[in-house]
N, C-alpha and C. Protein backbone atom coordinates (compact mmCIF):
# COMPACT_ATOMS: atom_id res chain seq x y z
N MET A 1 12.46 -99.76 16.13
CA MET A 1 12.32 -98.15 16.64
C MET A 1 12.34 -97.88 17.68
N MET A 2 12.02 -97.26 18.15
CA MET A 2 11.79 -96.92 20.01
C MET A 2 11.17 -97.94 20.91
N THR A 3 12.30 -98.38 21.66
CA THR A 3 12.01 -99.23 22.43
C THR A 3 11.69 -98.63 24.07
N SER A 4 10.92 -99.11 25.02
CA SER A 4 10.51 -98.45 26.41
C SER A 4 10.19 -100.13 27.18
N ASP A 5 10.82 -99.47 28.02
CA ASP A 5 10.58 -100.69 29.68
C ASP A 5 8.85 -99.95 29.98
N SER A 6 8.37 -99.09 29.58
CA SER A 6 7.25 -98.82 30.55
C SER A 6 6.78 -97.95 29.49
N ALA A 7 5.10 -97.66 29.91
CA ALA A 7 4.21 -96.96 29.25
C ALA A 7 4.92 -95.37 29.39
N ASP A 8 4.90 -94.92 30.53
CA ASP A 8 5.63 -93.64 31.26
C ASP A 8 6.69 -93.34 30.05
N GLU A 9 7.74 -94.11 30.10
CA GLU A 9 8.77 -93.82 29.43
C GLU A 9 8.73 -93.53 27.79
N PHE A 10 7.94 -94.46 27.53
CA PHE A 10 7.19 -94.25 25.75
C PHE A 10 6.76 -92.98 25.78
N VAL A 11 6.13 -92.55 26.95
CA VAL A 11 5.30 -91.66 26.81
C VAL A 11 5.81 -90.10 26.65
N ASP A 12 7.41 -90.35 27.57
CA ASP A 12 7.95 -89.13 27.70
C ASP A 12 9.33 -88.52 26.66
N LYS A 13 9.42 -90.20 25.55
CA LYS A 13 9.75 -90.09 25.02
C LYS A 13 9.33 -89.26 23.49
N MET A 14 7.91 -89.66 23.36
CA MET A 14 7.39 -89.46 22.55
C MET A 14 6.62 -87.98 22.68
N SER A 15 6.35 -87.79 23.72
CA SER A 15 6.27 -85.61 24.11
C SER A 15 7.60 -85.32 23.83
N THR A 16 9.52 -86.13 23.86
CA THR A 16 10.06 -85.28 23.42
C THR A 16 10.26 -85.28 22.08
N LEU A 17 9.83 -86.09 21.68
CA LEU A 17 10.17 -86.12 19.87
C LEU A 17 9.38 -84.74 19.36
N GLN A 18 7.49 -84.95 20.42
CA GLN A 18 6.54 -84.14 19.77
C GLN A 18 7.19 -82.71 19.43
N MET A 19 8.06 -82.34 20.54
CA MET A 19 8.66 -81.15 20.92
C MET A 19 9.60 -80.54 20.08
N VAL A 20 10.17 -81.28 19.32
CA VAL A 20 11.35 -81.19 18.86
C VAL A 20 10.45 -81.20 17.60
N ALA A 21 9.62 -82.11 17.11
CA ALA A 21 9.09 -81.73 15.77
C ALA A 21 8.69 -80.27 15.50
N ASP A 22 7.69 -80.27 16.61
CA ASP A 22 7.21 -78.39 16.80
C ASP A 22 8.41 -77.77 16.56
N HIS A 23 9.58 -77.50 17.26
CA HIS A 23 10.67 -76.84 17.17
C HIS A 23 10.90 -76.94 15.67
N GLN A 24 11.24 -77.38 15.14
CA GLN A 24 11.54 -77.67 13.79
C GLN A 24 10.48 -76.67 12.55
N ASN A 25 9.65 -77.44 13.21
CA ASN A 25 8.31 -77.28 12.66
C ASN A 25 7.91 -75.23 12.70
N GLU A 26 8.57 -74.74 13.71
CA GLU A 26 8.45 -73.69 13.52
C GLU A 26 9.30 -72.70 13.29
N ILE A 27 10.66 -73.59 13.17
CA ILE A 27 12.02 -72.64 12.22
C ILE A 27 11.35 -72.91 10.40
N LEU A 28 11.04 -73.91 10.28
CA LEU A 28 10.84 -73.71 8.84
C LEU A 28 10.01 -72.87 8.56
N ASP A 29 8.87 -72.92 8.95
CA ASP A 29 7.85 -71.92 9.25
C ASP A 29 8.62 -70.55 8.83
N GLN A 30 9.53 -69.76 10.01
CA GLN A 30 10.70 -68.21 9.88
C GLN A 30 11.41 -68.33 8.72
N VAL A 31 11.84 -69.74 8.52
CA VAL A 31 12.62 -69.95 7.03
C VAL A 31 11.57 -69.42 5.63
N ALA A 32 10.58 -70.18 5.86
CA ALA A 32 9.90 -69.41 4.55
C ALA A 32 9.33 -68.41 4.53
N ALA A 33 9.12 -67.77 5.84
CA ALA A 33 8.73 -66.05 5.84
C ALA A 33 9.79 -65.14 5.29
N ALA A 34 10.87 -66.09 6.20
CA ALA A 34 12.42 -64.73 5.22
C ALA A 34 12.65 -64.97 4.31
N SER A 35 12.08 -65.96 3.67
CA SER A 35 12.29 -66.37 2.15
C SER A 35 11.50 -65.54 1.41
N GLN A 36 10.15 -65.70 1.41
CA GLN A 36 9.56 -65.14 1.10
C GLN A 36 9.22 -63.50 1.06
N ALA A 37 9.53 -62.90 2.04
CA ALA A 37 10.29 -61.48 2.47
C ALA A 37 11.71 -61.14 1.46
N ALA A 38 12.52 -61.98 1.31
CA ALA A 38 13.41 -61.85 0.94
C ALA A 38 13.69 -61.55 -1.00
N ALA A 39 12.64 -62.78 -1.49
CA ALA A 39 12.20 -62.54 -2.59
C ALA A 39 11.26 -61.39 -3.11
N GLN A 40 10.68 -60.76 -2.19
CA GLN A 40 9.69 -59.53 -2.35
C GLN A 40 10.54 -58.36 -2.01
N ALA A 41 11.95 -58.23 -1.31
CA ALA A 41 12.47 -56.72 -1.52
C ALA A 41 13.19 -57.39 -2.57
N GLN A 42 13.51 -58.26 -3.29
CA GLN A 42 14.69 -58.52 -4.14
C GLN A 42 13.63 -57.74 -5.66
N ALA A 43 12.63 -58.08 -5.49
CA ALA A 43 11.65 -57.90 -6.65
C ALA A 43 11.34 -56.43 -6.50
N ASP A 44 11.03 -55.56 -5.38
CA ASP A 44 10.79 -53.91 -4.88
C ASP A 44 12.35 -53.68 -5.70
N ALA A 45 13.21 -54.42 -5.18
CA ALA A 45 14.47 -53.14 -5.31
C ALA A 45 14.61 -53.55 -7.14
N ALA A 46 14.12 -54.29 -7.79
CA ALA A 46 14.41 -54.72 -9.23
C ALA A 46 13.32 -53.50 -9.54
N GLN A 47 12.83 -53.26 -9.14
CA GLN A 47 11.64 -52.37 -9.60
C GLN A 47 11.95 -50.54 -9.26
N SER A 48 12.94 -51.18 -8.48
CA SER A 48 13.69 -49.04 -8.15
C SER A 48 14.44 -49.12 -9.05
N ALA A 49 15.15 -50.33 -9.14
CA ALA A 49 16.31 -49.42 -10.47
C ALA A 49 16.09 -49.63 -12.04
N ALA A 50 14.84 -50.10 -12.07
CA ALA A 50 14.25 -49.92 -13.52
C ALA A 50 13.76 -48.23 -13.27
N ASP A 51 13.09 -48.32 -12.59
CA ASP A 51 12.23 -47.09 -12.28
C ASP A 51 13.30 -45.69 -12.58
N ALA A 52 14.52 -46.19 -11.71
CA ALA A 52 15.20 -44.81 -11.50
C ALA A 52 16.11 -44.93 -13.44
N GLN A 53 16.54 -46.11 -13.89
CA GLN A 53 17.26 -46.17 -15.26
C GLN A 53 15.92 -45.17 -16.10
N ALA A 54 14.75 -45.73 -16.00
CA ALA A 54 13.70 -44.77 -17.13
C ALA A 54 13.82 -43.43 -16.70
N THR A 55 14.27 -43.18 -14.81
CA THR A 55 14.14 -41.82 -15.13
C THR A 55 15.94 -40.74 -15.44
N TYR A 56 16.73 -42.18 -15.21
CA TYR A 56 17.75 -41.46 -15.92
C TYR A 56 18.15 -41.30 -17.26
N ASP A 57 17.53 -41.73 -18.31
CA ASP A 57 17.35 -41.80 -19.96
C ASP A 57 16.30 -40.53 -20.03
N LYS A 58 15.61 -40.42 -19.29
CA LYS A 58 14.48 -39.28 -19.67
C LYS A 58 15.40 -37.96 -19.40
N VAL A 59 16.01 -37.78 -18.61
CA VAL A 59 16.58 -36.52 -17.85
C VAL A 59 17.97 -36.74 -19.24
N LYS A 60 18.30 -37.72 -19.45
CA LYS A 60 19.54 -37.50 -20.27
C LYS A 60 18.79 -37.11 -21.59
N ASP A 61 18.21 -37.91 -22.27
CA ASP A 61 17.18 -37.30 -23.49
C ASP A 61 16.64 -36.12 -23.66
N LEU A 62 16.19 -35.46 -22.16
CA LEU A 62 15.46 -34.20 -22.44
C LEU A 62 17.44 -33.45 -22.51
N ILE A 63 18.11 -33.25 -21.58
CA ILE A 63 19.37 -33.15 -21.87
C ILE A 63 20.20 -33.08 -23.49
N VAL A 64 20.06 -34.21 -23.79
CA VAL A 64 20.89 -34.05 -24.97
C VAL A 64 20.07 -33.40 -26.24
N ALA A 65 18.38 -33.28 -26.08
CA ALA A 65 17.70 -32.21 -27.01
C ALA A 65 17.92 -30.81 -26.42
N LYS A 66 18.23 -30.76 -25.05
CA LYS A 66 18.11 -29.28 -25.37
C LYS A 66 19.92 -28.83 -25.84
N GLN A 67 20.68 -29.56 -25.68
CA GLN A 67 21.80 -29.15 -26.32
C GLN A 67 22.06 -29.16 -27.78
N SER A 68 21.25 -30.51 -28.44
CA SER A 68 21.09 -30.21 -29.99
C SER A 68 20.27 -28.90 -30.41
N THR A 69 19.64 -28.38 -29.65
CA THR A 69 18.81 -27.50 -30.15
C THR A 69 19.70 -26.47 -29.67
N ALA A 70 20.20 -26.13 -28.83
CA ALA A 70 21.26 -25.18 -28.22
C ALA A 70 22.38 -24.67 -29.47
N LYS A 71 22.77 -25.91 -30.21
CA LYS A 71 23.86 -25.93 -31.50
C LYS A 71 23.38 -25.39 -32.41
N LYS A 72 22.16 -25.69 -32.83
CA LYS A 72 21.26 -25.32 -34.15
C LYS A 72 20.91 -23.72 -34.20
N ALA A 73 20.38 -23.05 -32.52
CA ALA A 73 20.38 -22.20 -32.83
C ALA A 73 21.07 -21.23 -32.82
N PRO A 74 20.92 -19.94 -33.81
CA PRO A 74 22.16 -19.05 -34.03
C PRO A 74 22.85 -18.15 -32.43
N ALA A 75 23.71 -17.93 -32.63
CA ALA A 75 24.40 -17.32 -31.18
C ALA A 75 23.76 -15.73 -31.40
N PRO A 76 23.74 -15.42 -29.88
CA PRO A 76 23.05 -14.47 -29.96
C PRO A 76 24.22 -12.90 -30.09
N LYS A 77 23.45 -12.41 -31.40
CA LYS A 77 24.50 -11.28 -31.50
C LYS A 77 24.86 -10.17 -30.19
N THR A 78 25.71 -10.02 -30.92
CA THR A 78 26.09 -8.97 -29.14
C THR A 78 26.20 -7.15 -29.85
N PRO A 79 26.15 -6.24 -28.65
CA PRO A 79 25.94 -5.44 -29.22
C PRO A 79 27.36 -4.81 -29.72
N ALA A 80 27.59 -3.92 -30.57
CA ALA A 80 28.88 -3.12 -30.84
C ALA A 80 29.16 -1.98 -30.13
N LYS A 81 30.37 -2.01 -29.75
CA LYS A 81 30.95 -1.35 -28.51
C LYS A 81 30.90 -0.08 -29.24
N THR A 82 30.80 1.15 -28.45
CA THR A 82 31.27 2.45 -29.22
C THR A 82 32.09 2.45 -28.54
N LYS A 83 33.39 3.89 -28.98
CA LYS A 83 33.97 4.03 -28.10
C LYS A 83 33.76 6.05 -27.78
């Protein structure tokens, strides 16, 4: 493993390794937080898309129903023009 000529050198090497490990842990924590935020954003986007589709479908159904009702209703009579 690690060899050192003195106790001070060994402590210095261990301190350096600990700093590297601490830095890696910090980076891993940031990556985990970013991953969780991305997953939540994706879930929010999927819900928004589903809500938008539901709203679109309701509006489309209302338009189709109104057009269908308009086709069934008799055309209004226009008064005869007199000369």
